């Protein structure tokens, strides 16, 4: 198990389970999942998170607001946005705020998601 820790935030439990199972097979990094962005922020503030993979559309707090909170808290945490709505303006807004990258849902492949996380970690 590596020293890297990735937090996945999505209000859809099925998405969390699929990504977690895929990543845990390879054990390239430690995975934590959370279905509530407000709780995710508490997890981030406990420390040790290197990359956050977050959905944009969530009921408790949207991913853009979560991104803003993360960037204000620690600019070293890489944030990859997941969106089913690949509208250019939303993606550009996230990049301006400080998002590292983005993936569209449904995923082309989980390998693509993994590659984006590895790129964000620089490994």
C-alpha atoms as a PDB file:
ATOM      1  CA  UNK A   1       0.000   0.000   0.000  1.00  0.00           C
ATOM      2  CA  UNK A   2       1.367   3.397  -0.915  1.00  0.00           C
ATOM      3  CA  UNK A   3       1.466   6.491   1.251  1.00  0.00           C
ATOM      4  CA  UNK A   4      -1.049   8.255  -0.975  1.00  0.00           C
ATOM      5  CA  UNK A   5      -4.626   8.719   0.160  1.00  0.00           C
ATOM      6  CA  UNK A   6      -7.505   9.442  -2.221  1.00  0.00           C
ATOM      7  CA  UNK A   7     -10.932  10.606  -1.066  1.00  0.00           C
ATOM      8  CA  UNK A   8     -13.867   9.951  -3.389  1.00  0.00           C
ATOM      9  CA  UNK A   9     -16.958  12.109  -2.837  1.00  0.00           C
ATOM     10  CA  UNK A  10     -20.256  11.353  -4.569  1.00  0.00           C
ATOM     11  CA  UNK A  11     -23.850  11.255  -3.364  1.00  0.00           C
ATOM     12  CA  UNK A  12     -24.433   8.106  -5.453  1.00  0.00           C
ATOM     13  CA  UNK A  13     -23.333   5.130  -3.327  1.00  0.00           C
ATOM     14  CA  UNK A  14     -23.140   2.847  -6.400  1.00  0.00           C
ATOM     15  CA  UNK A  15     -20.529   5.111  -7.999  1.00  0.00           C
ATOM     16  CA  UNK A  16     -18.499   5.144  -4.762  1.00  0.00           C
ATOM     17  CA  UNK A  17     -18.621   1.347  -4.502  1.00  0.00           C
ATOM     18  CA  UNK A  18     -17.587   0.787  -8.128  1.00  0.00           C
ATOM     19  CA  UNK A  19     -14.600   3.152  -7.950  1.00  0.00           C
ATOM     20  CA  UNK A  20     -13.543   1.873  -4.529  1.00  0.00           C
ATOM     21  CA  UNK A  21     -13.601  -1.774  -5.674  1.00  0.00           C
ATOM     22  CA  UNK A  22     -11.630  -0.941  -8.820  1.00  0.00           C
ATOM     23  CA  UNK A  23      -8.946   1.043  -6.972  1.00  0.00           C
ATOM     24  CA  UNK A  24      -8.656  -1.434  -4.090  1.00  0.00           C
ATOM     25  CA  UNK A  25      -7.800  -4.278  -6.495  1.00  0.00           C
ATOM     26  CA  UNK A  26      -4.546  -2.570  -7.431  1.00  0.00           C
ATOM     27  CA  UNK A  27      -3.709  -1.107  -4.021  1.00  0.00           C
ATOM     28  CA  UNK A  28      -1.822   1.810  -5.597  1.00  0.00           C
ATOM     29  CA  UNK A  29      -3.169   4.183  -2.948  1.00  0.00           C
ATOM     30  CA  UNK A  30      -5.422   4.167   0.077  1.00  0.00           C
ATOM     31  CA  UNK A  31      -9.070   4.894  -0.704  1.00  0.00           C
ATOM     32  CA  UNK A  32     -11.643   6.607   1.446  1.00  0.00           C
ATOM     33  CA  UNK A  33     -15.210   7.167   0.262  1.00  0.00           C
ATOM     34  CA  UNK A  34     -17.829   9.649   1.410  1.00  0.00           C
ATOM     35  CA  UNK A  35     -21.375  10.282   0.173  1.00  0.00           C
ATOM     36  CA  UNK A  36     -21.714  13.703   1.814  1.00  0.00           C
ATOM     37  CA  UNK A  37     -19.468  16.641   0.817  1.00  0.00           C
ATOM     38  CA  UNK A  38     -19.935  18.357   4.194  1.00  0.00           C
ATOM     39  CA  UNK A  39     -18.576  15.247   5.948  1.00  0.00           C
ATOM     40  CA  UNK A  40     -15.851  15.003   3.276  1.00  0.00           C
ATOM     41  CA  UNK A  41     -14.619  18.449   4.286  1.00  0.00           C
ATOM     42  CA  UNK A  42     -14.221  17.221   7.878  1.00  0.00           C
ATOM     43  CA  UNK A  43     -12.240  14.207   6.616  1.00  0.00           C
ATOM     44  CA  UNK A  44      -9.991  16.512   4.567  1.00  0.00           C
ATOM     45  CA  UNK A  45      -9.347  18.734   7.579  1.00  0.00           C
ATOM     46  CA  UNK A  46      -8.198  15.683   9.576  1.00  0.00           C
ATOM     47  CA  UNK A  47      -5.244  15.573   7.164  1.00  0.00           C
ATOM     48  CA  UNK A  48      -3.512  13.026   4.992  1.00  0.00           C
ATOM     49  CA  UNK A  49      -5.637  13.370   1.841  1.00  0.00           C
ATOM     50  CA  UNK A  50      -3.601  13.844  -1.357  1.00  0.00           C
ATOM     51  CA  UNK A  51      -6.318  13.744  -4.020  1.00  0.00           C
ATOM     52  CA  UNK A  52     -10.061  14.362  -3.901  1.00  0.00           C
ATOM     53  CA  UNK A  53     -12.222  12.929  -6.662  1.00  0.00           C
ATOM     54  CA  UNK A  54     -15.565  14.710  -6.339  1.00  0.00           C
ATOM     55  CA  UNK A  55     -18.861  14.827  -8.154  1.00  0.00           C
ATOM     56  CA  UNK A  56     -20.114  18.294  -9.105  1.00  0.00           C
ATOM     57  CA  UNK A  57     -23.861  17.724  -8.645  1.00  0.00           C
ATOM     58  CA  UNK A  58     -24.628  16.814  -5.009  1.00  0.00           C
ATOM     59  CA  UNK A  59     -27.519  17.872  -2.773  1.00  0.00           C
ATOM     60  CA  UNK A  60     -25.778  18.878   0.475  1.00  0.00           C
ATOM     61  CA  UNK A  61     -23.062  21.025  -1.140  1.00  0.00           C
ATOM     62  CA  UNK A  62     -22.133  21.058  -4.808  1.00  0.00           C
ATOM     63  CA  UNK A  63     -18.682  20.020  -5.962  1.00  0.00           C
ATOM     64  CA  UNK A  64     -17.740  23.546  -7.018  1.00  0.00           C
ATOM     65  CA  UNK A  65     -18.316  24.832  -3.479  1.00  0.00           C
ATOM     66  CA  UNK A  66     -16.402  21.833  -2.087  1.00  0.00           C
ATOM     67  CA  UNK A  67     -13.538  22.644  -4.462  1.00  0.00           C
ATOM     68  CA  UNK A  68     -13.479  26.256  -3.200  1.00  0.00           C
ATOM     69  CA  UNK A  69     -13.353  25.032   0.413  1.00  0.00           C
ATOM     70  CA  UNK A  70     -10.516  22.597  -0.355  1.00  0.00           C
ATOM     71  CA  UNK A  71      -8.455  25.216  -2.223  1.00  0.00           C
ATOM     72  CA  UNK A  72      -8.926  27.681   0.657  1.00  0.00           C
ATOM     73  CA  UNK A  73      -7.911  24.993   3.159  1.00  0.00           C
ATOM     74  CA  UNK A  74      -4.882  23.458   1.359  1.00  0.00           C
ATOM     75  CA  UNK A  75      -3.755  24.298  -2.167  1.00  0.00           C
ATOM     76  CA  UNK A  76      -1.569  21.147  -2.239  1.00  0.00           C
ATOM     77  CA  UNK A  77      -4.577  18.822  -2.334  1.00  0.00           C
ATOM     78  CA  UNK A  78      -5.313  17.854  -5.933  1.00  0.00           C
ATOM     79  CA  UNK A  79      -8.999  17.907  -6.892  1.00  0.00           C
ATOM     80  CA  UNK A  80     -10.449  16.002  -9.833  1.00  0.00           C
ATOM     81  CA  UNK A  81     -14.026  16.887 -10.709  1.00  0.00           C
ATOM     82  CA  UNK A  82     -16.528  14.249 -11.876  1.00  0.00           C
ATOM     83  CA  UNK A  83     -19.465  15.457 -13.892  1.00  0.00           C
ATOM     84  CA  UNK A  84     -22.258  14.008 -15.957  1.00  0.00           C
ATOM     85  CA  UNK A  85     -22.783  17.490 -17.319  1.00  0.00           C
ATOM     86  CA  UNK A  86     -19.641  18.122 -19.316  1.00  0.00           C
ATOM     87  CA  UNK A  87     -20.558  21.727 -19.998  1.00  0.00           C
ATOM     88  CA  UNK A  88     -17.485  23.696 -20.874  1.00  0.00           C
ATOM     89  CA  UNK A  89     -18.356  26.664 -18.657  1.00  0.00           C
ATOM     90  CA  UNK A  90     -18.604  24.479 -15.517  1.00  0.00           C
ATOM     91  CA  UNK A  91     -15.277  22.797 -16.289  1.00  0.00           C
ATOM     92  CA  UNK A  92     -13.590  26.151 -16.982  1.00  0.00           C
ATOM     93  CA  UNK A  93     -15.030  27.551 -13.740  1.00  0.00           C
ATOM     94  CA  UNK A  94     -13.548  24.625 -11.816  1.00  0.00           C
ATOM     95  CA  UNK A  95     -10.161  25.018 -13.511  1.00  0.00           C
ATOM     96  CA  UNK A  96     -10.093  28.728 -12.626  1.00  0.00           C
ATOM     97  CA  UNK A  97     -10.838  27.896  -8.990  1.00  0.00           C
ATOM     98  CA  UNK A  98      -8.042  25.332  -8.901  1.00  0.00           C
ATOM     99  CA  UNK A  99      -9.271  21.919 -10.055  1.00  0.00           C
ATOM    100  CA  UNK A 100      -6.471  19.662 -11.267  1.00  0.00           C
ATOM    101  CA  UNK A 101      -8.519  17.758 -13.843  1.00  0.00           C
ATOM    102  CA  UNK A 102     -11.972  16.385 -14.599  1.00  0.00           C
ATOM    103  CA  UNK A 103     -13.660  13.183 -15.748  1.00  0.00           C
ATOM    104  CA  UNK A 104     -17.088  12.808 -17.301  1.00  0.00           C
ATOM    105  CA  UNK A 105     -19.693  10.327 -16.096  1.00  0.00           C
ATOM    106  CA  UNK A 106     -20.506   7.747 -17.163  1.00  0.00           C
ATOM    107  CA  UNK A 107     -16.803   6.944 -17.198  1.00  0.00           C
ATOM    108  CA  UNK A 108     -15.226   5.963 -20.502  1.00  0.00           C
ATOM    109  CA  UNK A 109     -13.221   3.520 -18.419  1.00  0.00           C
ATOM    110  CA  UNK A 110     -12.160   3.237 -14.791  1.00  0.00           C
ATOM    111  CA  UNK A 111      -8.587   2.957 -16.080  1.00  0.00           C
ATOM    112  CA  UNK A 112      -8.993   6.512 -17.401  1.00  0.00           C
ATOM    113  CA  UNK A 113     -10.085   7.671 -13.929  1.00  0.00           C
ATOM    114  CA  UNK A 114      -7.127   5.839 -12.381  1.00  0.00           C
ATOM    115  CA  UNK A 115      -4.713   7.484 -14.848  1.00  0.00           C
ATOM    116  CA  UNK A 116      -6.011  10.939 -13.909  1.00  0.00           C
ATOM    117  CA  UNK A 117      -5.471  10.174 -10.198  1.00  0.00           C
ATOM    118  CA  UNK A 118      -1.954   8.852 -10.902  1.00  0.00           C
ATOM    119  CA  UNK A 119      -1.177  11.978 -12.956  1.00  0.00           C
ATOM    120  CA  UNK A 120      -2.450  14.196 -10.125  1.00  0.00           C
ATOM    121  CA  UNK A 121      -0.190  12.322  -7.684  1.00  0.00           C
ATOM    122  CA  UNK A 122       2.744  12.558 -10.081  1.00  0.00           C
ATOM    123  CA  UNK A 123       3.275   8.763 -10.165  1.00  0.00           C
END
